[in-house]
């Protein structure tokens, strides 16, 4: 499943590392494509193989959450979110699966993670599962400059995320790179792409 949306080019992702502070805690996110893992979903009459991305989140050096996220892209370029399997950790042990959901099991509505041609004012829901698992997103800028340890990126999208409890967070996406800043001051530290097969 090739995901080639300019703001979310997951097909070429090998591994991203983001680091920074959120609520006074040191945060590290390791985001890696997992082409070795396979998961299929039924969308209408089609069977779709999702692209699997693993997110490992650390807080003050301790693993906090490991999620397998499932994505697919439509022909015109919209990236859909098909669900996630989540393990939450405390002191090195799995203590729950908060936030986990799958299309076809928990909801019949795929989330929209990134429109094909995002523009300021676009609104969409990346999660629309239940009263507690929902997220409303809005493109608030398409001309941001973001400086990170991995580089300075221009013409970035800034997306506002609103959660069920009213909390608001922002994420920034750079063309041809993907997410370069999120949740407070968590910034892209390194970006590895997979080499194209000859």
C-alpha atoms as a PDB file:
ATOM      1  CA  UNK A   1       0.000   0.000   0.000  1.00  0.00           C
ATOM      2  CA  UNK A   2       1.793   3.106  -1.252  1.00  0.00           C
ATOM      3  CA  UNK A   3       1.053   6.239   0.758  1.00  0.00           C
ATOM      4  CA  UNK A   4       2.517   9.112  -1.211  1.00  0.00           C
ATOM      5  CA  UNK A   5       0.539  12.146   0.034  1.00  0.00           C
ATOM      6  CA  UNK A   6       3.145  14.972   0.018  1.00  0.00           C
ATOM      7  CA  UNK A   7       2.497  15.822   3.685  1.00  0.00           C
ATOM      8  CA  UNK A   8       2.449  12.193   4.824  1.00  0.00           C
ATOM      9  CA  UNK A   9       4.784  10.193   2.529  1.00  0.00           C
ATOM     10  CA  UNK A  10       4.669   7.060   4.650  1.00  0.00           C
ATOM     11  CA  UNK A  11       5.623   4.804   1.729  1.00  0.00           C
ATOM     12  CA  UNK A  12       9.195   6.111   1.954  1.00  0.00           C
ATOM     13  CA  UNK A  13       9.404   6.259   5.768  1.00  0.00           C
ATOM     14  CA  UNK A  14      11.969   4.091   7.487  1.00  0.00           C
ATOM     15  CA  UNK A  15      12.203   5.758  10.900  1.00  0.00           C
ATOM     16  CA  UNK A  16      11.512   9.148  12.454  1.00  0.00           C
ATOM     17  CA  UNK A  17      12.632  10.179  15.926  1.00  0.00           C
ATOM     18  CA  UNK A  18      10.976  13.143  17.630  1.00  0.00           C
ATOM     19  CA  UNK A  19      12.125  14.490  20.981  1.00  0.00           C
ATOM     20  CA  UNK A  20      11.162  17.341  23.267  1.00  0.00           C
ATOM     21  CA  UNK A  21       9.264  18.356  26.356  1.00  0.00           C
ATOM     22  CA  UNK A  22       5.563  18.121  27.095  1.00  0.00           C
ATOM     23  CA  UNK A  23       4.084  19.068  30.478  1.00  0.00           C
ATOM     24  CA  UNK A  24       7.608  19.135  31.951  1.00  0.00           C
ATOM     25  CA  UNK A  25       8.381  15.565  30.899  1.00  0.00           C
ATOM     26  CA  UNK A  26      11.008  14.448  28.391  1.00  0.00           C
ATOM     27  CA  UNK A  27       9.231  12.868  25.428  1.00  0.00           C
ATOM     28  CA  UNK A  28      10.761  10.646  22.742  1.00  0.00           C
ATOM     29  CA  UNK A  29       8.726   9.190  19.892  1.00  0.00           C
ATOM     30  CA  UNK A  30      10.169   6.522  17.611  1.00  0.00           C
ATOM     31  CA  UNK A  31       8.006   6.160  14.499  1.00  0.00           C
ATOM     32  CA  UNK A  32       8.894   3.348  12.094  1.00  0.00           C
ATOM     33  CA  UNK A  33       7.242   1.750   9.084  1.00  0.00           C
ATOM     34  CA  UNK A  34       6.668  -1.979   9.556  1.00  0.00           C
ATOM     35  CA  UNK A  35       6.489  -3.559   6.075  1.00  0.00           C
ATOM     36  CA  UNK A  36       6.961  -6.945   7.759  1.00  0.00           C
ATOM     37  CA  UNK A  37       3.504  -6.637   9.345  1.00  0.00           C
ATOM     38  CA  UNK A  38       0.307  -7.118   7.360  1.00  0.00           C
ATOM     39  CA  UNK A  39      -3.287  -6.233   8.172  1.00  0.00           C
ATOM     40  CA  UNK A  40      -6.273  -6.105   5.831  1.00  0.00           C
ATOM     41  CA  UNK A  41      -9.562  -4.259   6.152  1.00  0.00           C
ATOM     42  CA  UNK A  42     -12.848  -4.495   4.258  1.00  0.00           C
ATOM     43  CA  UNK A  43     -13.870  -1.105   2.884  1.00  0.00           C
ATOM     44  CA  UNK A  44     -17.145  -1.484   1.022  1.00  0.00           C
ATOM     45  CA  UNK A  45     -16.578  -4.434  -1.288  1.00  0.00           C
ATOM     46  CA  UNK A  46     -12.822  -3.922  -1.391  1.00  0.00           C
ATOM     47  CA  UNK A  47     -10.208  -5.671   0.686  1.00  0.00           C
ATOM     48  CA  UNK A  48      -7.488  -3.160   1.489  1.00  0.00           C
ATOM     49  CA  UNK A  49      -4.042  -3.947   2.863  1.00  0.00           C
ATOM     50  CA  UNK A  50      -3.035  -1.270   5.349  1.00  0.00           C
ATOM     51  CA  UNK A  51       0.377   0.275   5.744  1.00  0.00           C
ATOM     52  CA  UNK A  52       1.509  -0.430   9.328  1.00  0.00           C
ATOM     53  CA  UNK A  53       3.457   2.193  11.295  1.00  0.00           C
ATOM     54  CA  UNK A  54       4.757   1.535  14.809  1.00  0.00           C
ATOM     55  CA  UNK A  55       4.833   4.419  17.284  1.00  0.00           C
ATOM     56  CA  UNK A  56       6.873   3.962  20.473  1.00  0.00           C
ATOM     57  CA  UNK A  57       6.464   6.769  22.980  1.00  0.00           C
ATOM     58  CA  UNK A  58       8.841   7.221  25.900  1.00  0.00           C
ATOM     59  CA  UNK A  59       8.339   9.531  28.877  1.00  0.00           C
ATOM     60  CA  UNK A  60      11.419  10.376  30.955  1.00  0.00           C
ATOM     61  CA  UNK A  61      13.185   7.337  29.482  1.00  0.00           C
ATOM     62  CA  UNK A  62      10.413   4.826  30.256  1.00  0.00           C
ATOM     63  CA  UNK A  63       8.269   3.297  27.517  1.00  0.00           C
ATOM     64  CA  UNK A  64       4.756   4.708  27.899  1.00  0.00           C
ATOM     65  CA  UNK A  65       2.907   3.439  24.839  1.00  0.00           C
ATOM     66  CA  UNK A  66       3.464   1.260  21.801  1.00  0.00           C
ATOM     67  CA  UNK A  67       0.901   1.586  19.023  1.00  0.00           C
ATOM     68  CA  UNK A  68       0.544  -0.072  15.635  1.00  0.00           C
ATOM     69  CA  UNK A  69      -1.297   2.384  13.388  1.00  0.00           C
ATOM     70  CA  UNK A  70      -3.036   1.301  10.172  1.00  0.00           C
ATOM     71  CA  UNK A  71      -3.278   3.600   7.151  1.00  0.00           C
ATOM     72  CA  UNK A  72      -4.459   3.489   3.535  1.00  0.00           C
ATOM     73  CA  UNK A  73      -4.550   6.043   0.726  1.00  0.00           C
ATOM     74  CA  UNK A  74      -7.334   6.566  -1.811  1.00  0.00           C
ATOM     75  CA  UNK A  75      -6.609   6.962  -5.511  1.00  0.00           C
ATOM     76  CA  UNK A  76      -6.910  10.746  -5.293  1.00  0.00           C
ATOM     77  CA  UNK A  77      -4.445  10.955  -2.386  1.00  0.00           C
ATOM     78  CA  UNK A  78      -6.456  11.207   0.846  1.00  0.00           C
ATOM     79  CA  UNK A  79      -4.795   9.259   3.684  1.00  0.00           C
ATOM     80  CA  UNK A  80      -7.259   7.295   5.811  1.00  0.00           C
ATOM     81  CA  UNK A  81      -6.758   6.065   9.371  1.00  0.00           C
ATOM     82  CA  UNK A  82      -8.129   2.526   9.785  1.00  0.00           C
ATOM     83  CA  UNK A  83      -7.373   1.991  13.469  1.00  0.00           C
ATOM     84  CA  UNK A  84      -4.669   1.194  15.973  1.00  0.00           C
ATOM     85  CA  UNK A  85      -3.617  -1.588  18.313  1.00  0.00           C
ATOM     86  CA  UNK A  86      -2.300  -0.006  21.513  1.00  0.00           C
ATOM     87  CA  UNK A  87      -0.294  -1.278  24.483  1.00  0.00           C
ATOM     88  CA  UNK A  88       0.057   1.188  27.367  1.00  0.00           C
ATOM     89  CA  UNK A  89       2.904   0.597  29.801  1.00  0.00           C
ATOM     90  CA  UNK A  90       3.676   1.319  33.415  1.00  0.00           C
ATOM     91  CA  UNK A  91       7.084   0.435  34.878  1.00  0.00           C
ATOM     92  CA  UNK A  92       7.892  -1.728  31.879  1.00  0.00           C
ATOM     93  CA  UNK A  93       4.684  -3.795  31.948  1.00  0.00           C
ATOM     94  CA  UNK A  94       1.600  -3.636  29.715  1.00  0.00           C
ATOM     95  CA  UNK A  95      -1.250  -2.271  31.819  1.00  0.00           C
ATOM     96  CA  UNK A  96      -3.933  -1.590  29.213  1.00  0.00           C
ATOM     97  CA  UNK A  97      -4.956  -0.850  25.639  1.00  0.00           C
ATOM     98  CA  UNK A  98      -6.478   2.621  25.980  1.00  0.00           C
ATOM     99  CA  UNK A  99      -7.473   4.227  22.685  1.00  0.00           C
ATOM    100  CA  UNK A 100      -7.339   1.045  20.583  1.00  0.00           C
ATOM    101  CA  UNK A 101      -9.902   0.716  17.774  1.00  0.00           C
ATOM    102  CA  UNK A 102     -10.288  -0.954  14.383  1.00  0.00           C
ATOM    103  CA  UNK A 103     -12.390  -0.139  11.346  1.00  0.00           C
ATOM    104  CA  UNK A 104     -15.081  -2.769  10.856  1.00  0.00           C
ATOM    105  CA  UNK A 105     -15.002  -3.807  14.511  1.00  0.00           C
ATOM    106  CA  UNK A 106     -15.400  -0.631  16.573  1.00  0.00           C
ATOM    107  CA  UNK A 107     -16.629   1.739  13.847  1.00  0.00           C
ATOM    108  CA  UNK A 108     -17.715   1.704  10.217  1.00  0.00           C
ATOM    109  CA  UNK A 109     -16.133   5.122   9.587  1.00  0.00           C
ATOM    110  CA  UNK A 110     -12.503   5.389   8.512  1.00  0.00           C
ATOM    111  CA  UNK A 111     -10.762   8.462   9.880  1.00  0.00           C
ATOM    112  CA  UNK A 112      -9.245  11.049   7.538  1.00  0.00           C
ATOM    113  CA  UNK A 113      -5.649  11.653   8.558  1.00  0.00           C
ATOM    114  CA  UNK A 114      -4.621  13.923   5.684  1.00  0.00           C
ATOM    115  CA  UNK A 115      -6.722  15.318   2.818  1.00  0.00           C
ATOM    116  CA  UNK A 116      -5.389  14.825  -0.711  1.00  0.00           C
ATOM    117  CA  UNK A 117      -4.856  18.569  -1.226  1.00  0.00           C
ATOM    118  CA  UNK A 118      -5.120  20.176   2.209  1.00  0.00           C
ATOM    119  CA  UNK A 119      -5.898  23.881   2.424  1.00  0.00           C
ATOM    120  CA  UNK A 120      -6.598  26.354   5.209  1.00  0.00           C
ATOM    121  CA  UNK A 121     -10.092  25.829   6.600  1.00  0.00           C
ATOM    122  CA  UNK A 122     -10.315  22.111   5.797  1.00  0.00           C
ATOM    123  CA  UNK A 123     -11.984  20.193   8.629  1.00  0.00           C
ATOM    124  CA  UNK A 124     -11.947  16.433   9.069  1.00  0.00           C
ATOM    125  CA  UNK A 125     -11.998  13.723  11.740  1.00  0.00           C
ATOM    126  CA  UNK A 126      -8.974  11.466  12.094  1.00  0.00           C
ATOM    127  CA  UNK A 127     -10.895   9.382  14.655  1.00  0.00           C
ATOM    128  CA  UNK A 128     -14.687   9.052  14.782  1.00  0.00           C
ATOM    129  CA  UNK A 129     -15.252   5.952  16.873  1.00  0.00           C
ATOM    130  CA  UNK A 130     -17.049   6.845  20.112  1.00  0.00           C
ATOM    131  CA  UNK A 131     -17.563   9.699  22.551  1.00  0.00           C
ATOM    132  CA  UNK A 132     -14.122   9.047  24.046  1.00  0.00           C
ATOM    133  CA  UNK A 133     -12.255   8.110  20.841  1.00  0.00           C
ATOM    134  CA  UNK A 134     -12.809  11.052  18.543  1.00  0.00           C
ATOM    135  CA  UNK A 135     -10.664  13.835  17.180  1.00  0.00           C
ATOM    136  CA  UNK A 136     -11.667  16.886  15.154  1.00  0.00           C
ATOM    137  CA  UNK A 137      -8.931  18.351  12.970  1.00  0.00           C
ATOM    138  CA  UNK A 138      -8.622  21.638  11.107  1.00  0.00           C
ATOM    139  CA  UNK A 139      -5.923  23.022   8.804  1.00  0.00           C
ATOM    140  CA  UNK A 140      -5.104  26.452  10.282  1.00  0.00           C
ATOM    141  CA  UNK A 141      -2.021  27.345   8.187  1.00  0.00           C
ATOM    142  CA  UNK A 142      -0.186  26.100   5.117  1.00  0.00           C
ATOM    143  CA  UNK A 143       2.782  28.462   5.280  1.00  0.00           C
ATOM    144  CA  UNK A 144       4.588  27.659   8.539  1.00  0.00           C
ATOM    145  CA  UNK A 145       8.368  27.507   8.922  1.00  0.00           C
ATOM    146  CA  UNK A 146       9.528  24.973  11.517  1.00  0.00           C
ATOM    147  CA  UNK A 147      13.121  24.640  12.718  1.00  0.00           C
ATOM    148  CA  UNK A 148      14.036  21.268  14.234  1.00  0.00           C
ATOM    149  CA  UNK A 149      17.284  19.409  15.028  1.00  0.00           C
ATOM    150  CA  UNK A 150      16.772  17.562  11.717  1.00  0.00           C
ATOM    151  CA  UNK A 151      16.516  20.760   9.674  1.00  0.00           C
ATOM    152  CA  UNK A 152      14.399  23.804   8.843  1.00  0.00           C
ATOM    153  CA  UNK A 153      11.225  23.160   6.885  1.00  0.00           C
ATOM    154  CA  UNK A 154       9.145  25.693   4.936  1.00  0.00           C
ATOM    155  CA  UNK A 155       5.520  25.728   3.760  1.00  0.00           C
ATOM    156  CA  UNK A 156       4.489  23.388   6.560  1.00  0.00           C
ATOM    157  CA  UNK A 157       0.872  22.582   7.363  1.00  0.00           C
ATOM    158  CA  UNK A 158      -0.305  23.426  10.868  1.00  0.00           C
ATOM    159  CA  UNK A 159      -3.190  21.232  11.972  1.00  0.00           C
ATOM    160  CA  UNK A 160      -5.294  21.908  15.052  1.00  0.00           C
ATOM    161  CA  UNK A 161      -6.489  18.793  16.893  1.00  0.00           C
ATOM    162  CA  UNK A 162      -9.469  18.962  19.260  1.00  0.00           C
ATOM    163  CA  UNK A 163     -10.139  16.113  21.684  1.00  0.00           C
ATOM    164  CA  UNK A 164     -13.350  15.051  23.486  1.00  0.00           C
ATOM    165  CA  UNK A 165     -12.292  16.726  26.760  1.00  0.00           C
ATOM    166  CA  UNK A 166     -11.859  20.044  24.933  1.00  0.00           C
ATOM    167  CA  UNK A 167      -8.052  19.840  24.917  1.00  0.00           C
ATOM    168  CA  UNK A 168      -6.356  21.261  21.834  1.00  0.00           C
ATOM    169  CA  UNK A 169      -2.996  20.279  20.359  1.00  0.00           C
ATOM    170  CA  UNK A 170      -1.210  21.180  17.148  1.00  0.00           C
ATOM    171  CA  UNK A 171       0.891  19.207  14.685  1.00  0.00           C
ATOM    172  CA  UNK A 172       3.094  20.503  11.875  1.00  0.00           C
ATOM    173  CA  UNK A 173       3.692  18.564   8.639  1.00  0.00           C
ATOM    174  CA  UNK A 174       6.469  19.383   6.170  1.00  0.00           C
ATOM    175  CA  UNK A 175       6.178  18.623   2.446  1.00  0.00           C
ATOM    176  CA  UNK A 176       7.923  15.374   1.467  1.00  0.00           C
ATOM    177  CA  UNK A 177       8.827  14.691   5.136  1.00  0.00           C
ATOM    178  CA  UNK A 178       5.694  14.269   7.276  1.00  0.00           C
ATOM    179  CA  UNK A 179       5.245  15.263  10.922  1.00  0.00           C
ATOM    180  CA  UNK A 180       8.070  17.544  12.106  1.00  0.00           C
ATOM    181  CA  UNK A 181       6.578  18.971  15.311  1.00  0.00           C
ATOM    182  CA  UNK A 182       3.823  17.940  17.711  1.00  0.00           C
ATOM    183  CA  UNK A 183       2.429  18.188  21.232  1.00  0.00           C
ATOM    184  CA  UNK A 184       4.098  21.210  22.713  1.00  0.00           C
ATOM    185  CA  UNK A 185       7.727  21.208  21.709  1.00  0.00           C
ATOM    186  CA  UNK A 186       8.350  17.694  20.443  1.00  0.00           C
ATOM    187  CA  UNK A 187      10.550  18.166  17.357  1.00  0.00           C
ATOM    188  CA  UNK A 188      11.887  15.955  14.597  1.00  0.00           C
ATOM    189  CA  UNK A 189      15.415  14.874  15.516  1.00  0.00           C
ATOM    190  CA  UNK A 190      16.130  12.462  12.660  1.00  0.00           C
ATOM    191  CA  UNK A 191      14.370  11.312   9.499  1.00  0.00           C
ATOM    192  CA  UNK A 192      15.382   8.105   7.726  1.00  0.00           C
ATOM    193  CA  UNK A 193      13.801   7.070   4.435  1.00  0.00           C
ATOM    194  CA  UNK A 194      13.897   3.618   2.931  1.00  0.00           C
ATOM    195  CA  UNK A 195      15.846   3.269  -0.249  1.00  0.00           C
ATOM    196  CA  UNK A 196      13.787   2.503  -3.323  1.00  0.00           C
ATOM    197  CA  UNK A 197      14.183  -1.018  -4.643  1.00  0.00           C
ATOM    198  CA  UNK A 198      16.064  -1.200  -7.939  1.00  0.00           C
END
